[in-house]
Amino acid sequence: MLVRSYGLYSPVKKEELLQCRLLLGQGPVELPWKIGWQDCFASSKDHPELCPLCGKRLVRSVILNPIPMVAHTSDPPIPHFTERLAA
């Protein structure tokens, strides 16, 4: 069970948590700022949007849609082991 799923850290107990923090001399809970996946590569030379050879930004020219798979309608074929046994 997660600690934050019950008690003062539960999402429905925000007012009670704020009251307890103020009584203990703490400020309100500071939410962390959100980062995107691009921020993780900001200081890296291996950025996935840059060409590894020339360093220029990659440009999407064509979007390839996945090819839908054909559903199987029967069992896979049974291998013919009798031919191997006869040889």
N, C-alpha and C. Protein backbone atom coordinates (compact mmCIF):
# COMPACT_ATOMS: atom_id res chain seq x y z
N MET A 1 0.84 -1.17 0.00
CA MET A 1 0.00 0.00 0.00
C MET A 1 0.89 1.24 0.00
N LEU A 2 0.53 2.22 -0.78
CA LEU A 2 1.30 3.44 -0.87
C LEU A 2 1.04 4.34 0.34
N VAL A 3 2.07 5.00 0.82
CA VAL A 3 1.93 5.90 1.96
C VAL A 3 1.03 7.07 1.61
N ARG A 4 1.11 7.53 0.38
CA ARG A 4 0.34 8.70 -0.01
C ARG A 4 -1.11 8.38 -0.39
N SER A 5 -1.54 7.16 -0.18
CA SER A 5 -2.90 6.80 -0.54
C SER A 5 -3.87 6.92 0.63
N TYR A 6 -3.37 7.20 1.82
CA TYR A 6 -4.24 7.37 2.98
C TYR A 6 -3.59 8.35 3.95
N GLY A 7 -4.33 8.79 4.97
CA GLY A 7 -3.79 9.71 5.97
C GLY A 7 -3.71 11.13 5.44
N LEU A 8 -2.82 11.92 6.02
CA LEU A 8 -2.70 13.34 5.65
C LEU A 8 -2.18 13.54 4.23
N TYR A 9 -1.48 12.56 3.68
CA TYR A 9 -0.93 12.70 2.34
C TYR A 9 -1.90 12.27 1.25
N SER A 10 -3.08 11.88 1.64
CA SER A 10 -4.10 11.50 0.67
C SER A 10 -4.55 12.76 -0.08
N PRO A 11 -4.86 12.65 -1.37
CA PRO A 11 -5.30 13.83 -2.12
C PRO A 11 -6.55 14.50 -1.57
N VAL A 12 -7.40 13.77 -0.87
CA VAL A 12 -8.63 14.38 -0.34
C VAL A 12 -8.39 15.10 0.99
N LYS A 13 -7.19 15.01 1.54
CA LYS A 13 -6.87 15.62 2.84
C LYS A 13 -5.95 16.83 2.69
N LYS A 14 -6.04 17.57 1.58
CA LYS A 14 -5.14 18.69 1.34
C LYS A 14 -5.30 19.79 2.39
N GLU A 15 -6.53 20.10 2.78
CA GLU A 15 -6.77 21.16 3.77
C GLU A 15 -6.19 20.78 5.13
N GLU A 16 -6.37 19.52 5.55
CA GLU A 16 -5.84 19.08 6.82
C GLU A 16 -4.31 19.08 6.81
N LEU A 17 -3.71 18.69 5.70
CA LEU A 17 -2.25 18.71 5.58
C LEU A 17 -1.74 20.13 5.67
N LEU A 18 -2.40 21.07 4.99
CA LEU A 18 -2.00 22.47 5.04
C LEU A 18 -2.09 23.00 6.47
N GLN A 19 -3.17 22.67 7.18
CA GLN A 19 -3.35 23.12 8.56
C GLN A 19 -2.23 22.57 9.46
N CYS A 20 -1.88 21.31 9.31
CA CYS A 20 -0.82 20.71 10.11
C CYS A 20 0.53 21.35 9.80
N ARG A 21 0.79 21.60 8.53
CA ARG A 21 2.06 22.23 8.16
C ARG A 21 2.17 23.63 8.72
N LEU A 22 1.06 24.39 8.69
CA LEU A 22 1.08 25.74 9.25
C LEU A 22 1.28 25.71 10.76
N LEU A 23 0.67 24.75 11.46
CA LEU A 23 0.86 24.62 12.91
C LEU A 23 2.31 24.28 13.27
N LEU A 24 2.99 23.57 12.39
CA LEU A 24 4.38 23.19 12.63
C LEU A 24 5.38 24.22 12.10
N GLY A 25 4.87 25.33 11.58
CA GLY A 25 5.74 26.38 11.08
C GLY A 25 6.26 26.17 9.68
N GLN A 26 5.64 25.33 8.93
CA GLN A 26 6.04 25.09 7.55
C GLN A 26 5.08 25.77 6.60
N GLY A 27 5.52 26.05 5.43
CA GLY A 27 4.66 26.64 4.42
C GLY A 27 3.84 25.58 3.72
N PRO A 28 3.02 26.00 2.77
CA PRO A 28 2.23 25.01 2.03
C PRO A 28 3.13 24.10 1.19
N VAL A 29 2.59 22.97 0.79
CA VAL A 29 3.33 22.00 -0.01
C VAL A 29 3.64 22.63 -1.36
N GLU A 30 4.91 22.57 -1.75
CA GLU A 30 5.32 23.09 -3.05
C GLU A 30 5.30 21.94 -4.06
N LEU A 31 4.54 22.12 -5.11
CA LEU A 31 4.48 21.09 -6.14
C LEU A 31 5.70 21.22 -7.04
N PRO A 32 6.30 20.11 -7.42
CA PRO A 32 7.46 20.17 -8.30
C PRO A 32 7.05 20.63 -9.69
N TRP A 33 7.94 21.32 -10.37
CA TRP A 33 7.63 21.78 -11.72
C TRP A 33 7.79 20.61 -12.68
N LYS A 34 6.97 20.62 -13.70
CA LYS A 34 6.95 19.52 -14.66
C LYS A 34 8.05 19.72 -15.69
N ILE A 35 8.69 18.61 -16.03
CA ILE A 35 9.69 18.66 -17.08
C ILE A 35 9.27 17.72 -18.20
N GLY A 36 9.67 18.06 -19.39
CA GLY A 36 9.40 17.21 -20.54
C GLY A 36 10.61 16.35 -20.84
N TRP A 37 10.46 15.42 -21.74
CA TRP A 37 11.57 14.54 -22.06
C TRP A 37 12.69 15.31 -22.74
N GLN A 38 12.35 16.43 -23.42
CA GLN A 38 13.37 17.23 -24.08
C GLN A 38 14.29 17.89 -23.07
N ASP A 39 13.76 18.24 -21.88
CA ASP A 39 14.57 18.86 -20.84
C ASP A 39 15.66 17.92 -20.33
N CYS A 40 15.42 16.63 -20.38
CA CYS A 40 16.41 15.66 -19.91
C CYS A 40 17.64 15.64 -20.81
N PHE A 41 17.48 16.05 -22.07
CA PHE A 41 18.58 16.04 -23.03
C PHE A 41 19.13 17.43 -23.31
N ALA A 42 18.71 18.44 -22.55
CA ALA A 42 19.10 19.82 -22.83
C ALA A 42 20.62 20.01 -22.78
N SER A 43 21.28 19.40 -21.82
CA SER A 43 22.73 19.57 -21.68
C SER A 43 23.52 18.40 -22.28
N SER A 44 22.85 17.51 -22.96
CA SER A 44 23.51 16.34 -23.52
C SER A 44 23.88 16.57 -24.98
N LYS A 45 24.99 16.01 -25.40
CA LYS A 45 25.35 16.11 -26.82
C LYS A 45 24.69 15.00 -27.64
N ASP A 46 24.05 14.04 -26.96
CA ASP A 46 23.38 12.93 -27.65
C ASP A 46 21.87 13.16 -27.67
N HIS A 47 21.44 14.32 -28.11
CA HIS A 47 20.01 14.63 -28.15
C HIS A 47 19.34 13.81 -29.26
N PRO A 48 18.21 13.14 -28.96
CA PRO A 48 17.59 12.26 -29.96
C PRO A 48 16.98 13.00 -31.15
N GLU A 49 16.81 14.32 -31.05
CA GLU A 49 16.25 15.07 -32.17
C GLU A 49 17.33 15.63 -33.08
N LEU A 50 18.60 15.37 -32.77
CA LEU A 50 19.70 15.87 -33.58
C LEU A 50 20.39 14.74 -34.31
N CYS A 51 20.84 15.05 -35.51
CA CYS A 51 21.57 14.06 -36.31
C CYS A 51 22.89 13.77 -35.62
N PRO A 52 23.25 12.48 -35.43
CA PRO A 52 24.52 12.16 -34.76
C PRO A 52 25.74 12.51 -35.61
N LEU A 53 25.56 12.71 -36.93
CA LEU A 53 26.70 13.02 -37.80
C LEU A 53 26.95 14.51 -37.93
N CYS A 54 25.90 15.27 -38.29
CA CYS A 54 26.10 16.69 -38.55
C CYS A 54 25.61 17.59 -37.42
N GLY A 55 24.78 17.07 -36.51
CA GLY A 55 24.30 17.87 -35.39
C GLY A 55 23.08 18.72 -35.68
N LYS A 56 22.55 18.65 -36.90
CA LYS A 56 21.36 19.43 -37.25
C LYS A 56 20.12 18.73 -36.74
N ARG A 57 19.06 19.52 -36.57
CA ARG A 57 17.80 18.97 -36.07
C ARG A 57 17.17 18.08 -37.15
N LEU A 58 16.68 16.91 -36.73
CA LEU A 58 16.03 15.99 -37.65
C LEU A 58 14.65 16.50 -38.00
N VAL A 59 14.26 16.35 -39.25
CA VAL A 59 12.97 16.83 -39.73
C VAL A 59 12.15 15.63 -40.18
N ARG A 60 10.91 15.56 -39.71
CA ARG A 60 10.02 14.47 -40.11
C ARG A 60 9.44 14.80 -41.47
N SER A 61 9.64 13.94 -42.43
CA SER A 61 9.11 14.18 -43.77
C SER A 61 7.93 13.28 -44.10
N VAL A 62 7.92 12.08 -43.56
CA VAL A 62 6.84 11.14 -43.84
C VAL A 62 6.47 10.43 -42.55
N ILE A 63 5.19 10.25 -42.32
CA ILE A 63 4.72 9.47 -41.19
C ILE A 63 4.28 8.12 -41.72
N LEU A 64 4.91 7.06 -41.23
CA LEU A 64 4.55 5.71 -41.65
C LEU A 64 3.55 5.14 -40.67
N ASN A 65 2.39 4.80 -41.18
CA ASN A 65 1.36 4.19 -40.34
C ASN A 65 1.62 2.70 -40.24
N PRO A 66 1.36 2.12 -39.07
CA PRO A 66 1.59 0.69 -38.93
C PRO A 66 0.64 -0.11 -39.81
N ILE A 67 1.13 -1.24 -40.27
CA ILE A 67 0.31 -2.12 -41.09
C ILE A 67 -0.48 -3.03 -40.16
N PRO A 68 -1.79 -3.06 -40.28
CA PRO A 68 -2.56 -3.91 -39.37
C PRO A 68 -2.26 -5.38 -39.63
N MET A 69 -2.20 -6.14 -38.56
CA MET A 69 -1.94 -7.57 -38.68
C MET A 69 -3.23 -8.31 -39.02
N VAL A 70 -3.10 -9.36 -39.78
CA VAL A 70 -4.24 -10.19 -40.14
C VAL A 70 -4.50 -11.17 -38.99
N ALA A 71 -5.71 -11.22 -38.54
CA ALA A 71 -6.04 -12.12 -37.44
C ALA A 71 -5.96 -13.56 -37.91
N HIS A 72 -5.46 -14.42 -37.04
CA HIS A 72 -5.39 -15.85 -37.36
C HIS A 72 -6.79 -16.44 -37.25
N THR A 73 -7.13 -17.25 -38.24
CA THR A 73 -8.46 -17.88 -38.24
C THR A 73 -8.38 -19.36 -37.93
N SER A 74 -7.16 -19.90 -37.86
CA SER A 74 -7.03 -21.33 -37.57
C SER A 74 -5.73 -21.56 -36.80
N ASP A 75 -5.51 -22.80 -36.43
CA ASP A 75 -4.29 -23.16 -35.74
C ASP A 75 -3.12 -23.11 -36.71
N PRO A 76 -1.89 -22.93 -36.19
CA PRO A 76 -0.73 -22.95 -37.08
C PRO A 76 -0.56 -24.33 -37.69
N PRO A 77 0.10 -24.41 -38.83
CA PRO A 77 0.29 -25.72 -39.46
C PRO A 77 1.16 -26.62 -38.62
N ILE A 78 0.87 -27.92 -38.68
CA ILE A 78 1.63 -28.92 -37.92
C ILE A 78 2.85 -29.32 -38.75
N PRO A 79 4.04 -29.24 -38.17
CA PRO A 79 5.24 -29.63 -38.94
C PRO A 79 5.22 -31.12 -39.25
N HIS A 80 5.79 -31.45 -40.36
CA HIS A 80 5.82 -32.85 -40.80
C HIS A 80 7.10 -33.50 -40.30
N PHE A 81 7.03 -34.09 -39.12
CA PHE A 81 8.19 -34.76 -38.54
C PHE A 81 8.39 -36.15 -39.14
N THR A 82 7.38 -36.70 -39.78
CA THR A 82 7.52 -38.04 -40.34
C THR A 82 8.54 -38.05 -41.47
N GLU A 83 8.68 -36.94 -42.17
CA GLU A 83 9.66 -36.89 -43.25
C GLU A 83 11.09 -36.95 -42.69
N ARG A 84 11.31 -36.33 -41.54
CA ARG A 84 12.64 -36.36 -40.93
C ARG A 84 12.95 -37.74 -40.35
N LEU A 85 11.92 -38.40 -39.81
CA LEU A 85 12.15 -39.72 -39.23
C LEU A 85 12.48 -40.76 -40.30
N ALA A 86 11.93 -40.62 -41.47
CA ALA A 86 12.15 -41.60 -42.54
C ALA A 86 13.55 -41.46 -43.13
N ALA A 87 14.12 -40.27 -43.05
CA ALA A 87 15.43 -40.05 -43.69
C ALA A 87 16.58 -40.56 -42.89
